[in-house]
Amino acid sequence: MPLLTLANLPAPPLEVPAGRTVLAAIHAAGHAWWHACGAKGRCTTCRVRVLAGAEFLTPPTPAELRYRAAGRLGEAERLACQARVS
């Protein structure tokens, strides 16, 4: 199972099953993580900075690309509700 290291999330790295969103994996591991729009990719409150394991994630979604173009999402950042493990 792929491991992700996320900024501001306590160690150890997060195990994320294939097909699951990063947000679902964070919650399944017992961590609280804000997501104001209900995990629909309409805001950036669930943003995570991926420190290791980004190669296991699906490509950025259209919502993430829009936020990047608007300068609201950095290159190493993903929306936890949109990023899935491939």
C-alpha atoms as a PDB file:
ATOM      1  CA  MET A   1       0.000   0.000   0.000  1.00  0.00           C
ATOM      2  CA  PRO A   2       1.472   3.400  -0.960  1.00  0.00           C
ATOM      3  CA  LEU A   3       2.655   5.707   1.807  1.00  0.00           C
ATOM      4  CA  LEU A   4       2.235   9.482   1.766  1.00  0.00           C
ATOM      5  CA  THR A   5       3.994  11.979   3.976  1.00  0.00           C
ATOM      6  CA  LEU A   6       1.900  15.116   4.411  1.00  0.00           C
ATOM      7  CA  ALA A   7       2.871  18.406   6.034  1.00  0.00           C
ATOM      8  CA  ASN A   8       1.110  19.042   9.365  1.00  0.00           C
ATOM      9  CA  LEU A   9       0.066  15.412   9.771  1.00  0.00           C
ATOM     10  CA  PRO A  10       1.775  13.482  12.557  1.00  0.00           C
ATOM     11  CA  ALA A  11       4.099  10.604  11.645  1.00  0.00           C
ATOM     12  CA  PRO A  12       4.091   7.813  10.595  1.00  0.00           C
ATOM     13  CA  PRO A  13       3.394   8.282   6.884  1.00  0.00           C
ATOM     14  CA  LEU A  14      -0.215   7.772   5.870  1.00  0.00           C
ATOM     15  CA  GLU A  15      -1.159   4.472   4.219  1.00  0.00           C
ATOM     16  CA  VAL A  16      -3.635   5.067   1.399  1.00  0.00           C
ATOM     17  CA  PRO A  17      -5.335   2.181  -0.413  1.00  0.00           C
ATOM     18  CA  ALA A  18      -5.593   2.410  -4.203  1.00  0.00           C
ATOM     19  CA  GLY A  19      -8.665   4.323  -5.352  1.00  0.00           C
ATOM     20  CA  ARG A  20      -9.208   6.127  -2.049  1.00  0.00           C
ATOM     21  CA  THR A  21      -8.926   9.881  -1.724  1.00  0.00           C
ATOM     22  CA  VAL A  22      -6.289  11.351   0.517  1.00  0.00           C
ATOM     23  CA  LEU A  23      -9.060  12.985   2.565  1.00  0.00           C
ATOM     24  CA  ALA A  24     -10.803   9.641   3.155  1.00  0.00           C
ATOM     25  CA  ALA A  25      -7.492   8.081   4.213  1.00  0.00           C
ATOM     26  CA  ILE A  26      -6.770  10.956   6.623  1.00  0.00           C
ATOM     27  CA  HIS A  27     -10.181  10.526   8.238  1.00  0.00           C
ATOM     28  CA  ALA A  28      -9.877   6.704   8.307  1.00  0.00           C
ATOM     29  CA  ALA A  29      -6.584   7.098  10.187  1.00  0.00           C
ATOM     30  CA  GLY A  30      -8.447   9.055  12.873  1.00  0.00           C
ATOM     31  CA  HIS A  31      -7.212  12.549  12.016  1.00  0.00           C
ATOM     32  CA  ALA A  32      -9.516  15.542  11.706  1.00  0.00           C
ATOM     33  CA  TRP A  33      -9.045  17.476   8.465  1.00  0.00           C
ATOM     34  CA  TRP A  34     -11.178  20.435   7.451  1.00  0.00           C
ATOM     35  CA  HIS A  35     -13.206  20.296   4.213  1.00  0.00           C
ATOM     36  CA  ALA A  36     -15.741  23.139   4.046  1.00  0.00           C
ATOM     37  CA  CYS A  37     -17.351  22.253   0.703  1.00  0.00           C
ATOM     38  CA  GLY A  38     -18.133  18.668   1.655  1.00  0.00           C
ATOM     39  CA  ALA A  39     -15.297  17.156  -0.410  1.00  0.00           C
ATOM     40  CA  LYS A  40     -16.570  18.453  -3.743  1.00  0.00           C
ATOM     41  CA  GLY A  41     -13.437  20.320  -4.890  1.00  0.00           C
ATOM     42  CA  ARG A  42     -15.145  23.713  -4.622  1.00  0.00           C
ATOM     43  CA  CYS A  43     -12.783  25.269  -2.078  1.00  0.00           C
ATOM     44  CA  THR A  44      -9.220  24.824  -0.895  1.00  0.00           C
ATOM     45  CA  THR A  45      -9.803  24.096   2.787  1.00  0.00           C
ATOM     46  CA  CYS A  46      -8.697  20.458   2.467  1.00  0.00           C
ATOM     47  CA  ARG A  47      -5.409  21.431   0.789  1.00  0.00           C
ATOM     48  CA  VAL A  48      -2.432  19.266   1.715  1.00  0.00           C
ATOM     49  CA  ARG A  49       1.256  19.657   0.964  1.00  0.00           C
ATOM     50  CA  VAL A  50       2.636  16.314  -0.182  1.00  0.00           C
ATOM     51  CA  LEU A  51       6.205  15.898   1.056  1.00  0.00           C
ATOM     52  CA  ALA A  52       6.706  12.310  -0.188  1.00  0.00           C
ATOM     53  CA  GLY A  53       4.694   9.849  -2.248  1.00  0.00           C
ATOM     54  CA  ALA A  54       3.173  12.268  -4.783  1.00  0.00           C
ATOM     55  CA  GLU A  55       4.102   9.853  -7.562  1.00  0.00           C
ATOM     56  CA  PHE A  56       1.383   7.501  -6.277  1.00  0.00           C
ATOM     57  CA  LEU A  57      -1.372  10.087  -6.786  1.00  0.00           C
ATOM     58  CA  THR A  58      -3.617  10.549  -9.793  1.00  0.00           C
ATOM     59  CA  PRO A  59      -2.935  13.623 -11.959  1.00  0.00           C
ATOM     60  CA  PRO A  60      -4.455  16.910 -10.775  1.00  0.00           C
ATOM     61  CA  THR A  61      -8.187  17.187 -11.407  1.00  0.00           C
ATOM     62  CA  PRO A  62      -9.776  20.084 -13.332  1.00  0.00           C
ATOM     63  CA  ALA A  63     -10.687  21.702 -10.003  1.00  0.00           C
ATOM     64  CA  GLU A  64      -7.073  21.520  -8.819  1.00  0.00           C
ATOM     65  CA  LEU A  65      -5.811  22.905 -12.133  1.00  0.00           C
ATOM     66  CA  ARG A  66      -8.202  25.867 -11.845  1.00  0.00           C
ATOM     67  CA  TYR A  67      -6.938  26.649  -8.342  1.00  0.00           C
ATOM     68  CA  ARG A  68      -3.321  26.372  -9.506  1.00  0.00           C
ATOM     69  CA  ALA A  69      -3.995  28.735 -12.403  1.00  0.00           C
ATOM     70  CA  ALA A  70      -5.570  31.199  -9.956  1.00  0.00           C
ATOM     71  CA  GLY A  71      -2.538  30.965  -7.639  1.00  0.00           C
ATOM     72  CA  ARG A  72      -4.507  29.352  -4.819  1.00  0.00           C
ATOM     73  CA  LEU A  73      -2.818  25.917  -4.963  1.00  0.00           C
ATOM     74  CA  GLY A  74       0.947  25.378  -5.148  1.00  0.00           C
ATOM     75  CA  GLU A  75       2.772  22.771  -7.221  1.00  0.00           C
ATOM     76  CA  ALA A  76       3.409  20.493  -4.214  1.00  0.00           C
ATOM     77  CA  GLU A  77      -0.146  20.983  -2.943  1.00  0.00           C
ATOM     78  CA  ARG A  78      -3.212  18.910  -3.702  1.00  0.00           C
ATOM     79  CA  LEU A  79      -6.845  19.005  -2.663  1.00  0.00           C
ATOM     80  CA  ALA A  80      -7.183  16.034  -0.329  1.00  0.00           C
ATOM     81  CA  CYS A  81     -10.750  15.461  -1.526  1.00  0.00           C
ATOM     82  CA  GLN A  82      -9.662  15.225  -5.165  1.00  0.00           C
ATOM     83  CA  ALA A  83      -6.290  13.431  -5.047  1.00  0.00           C
ATOM     84  CA  ARG A  84      -6.598   9.661  -5.228  1.00  0.00           C
ATOM     85  CA  VAL A  85      -3.994   6.945  -5.055  1.00  0.00           C
ATOM     86  CA  SER A  86      -3.634   5.291  -8.446  1.00  0.00           C
END
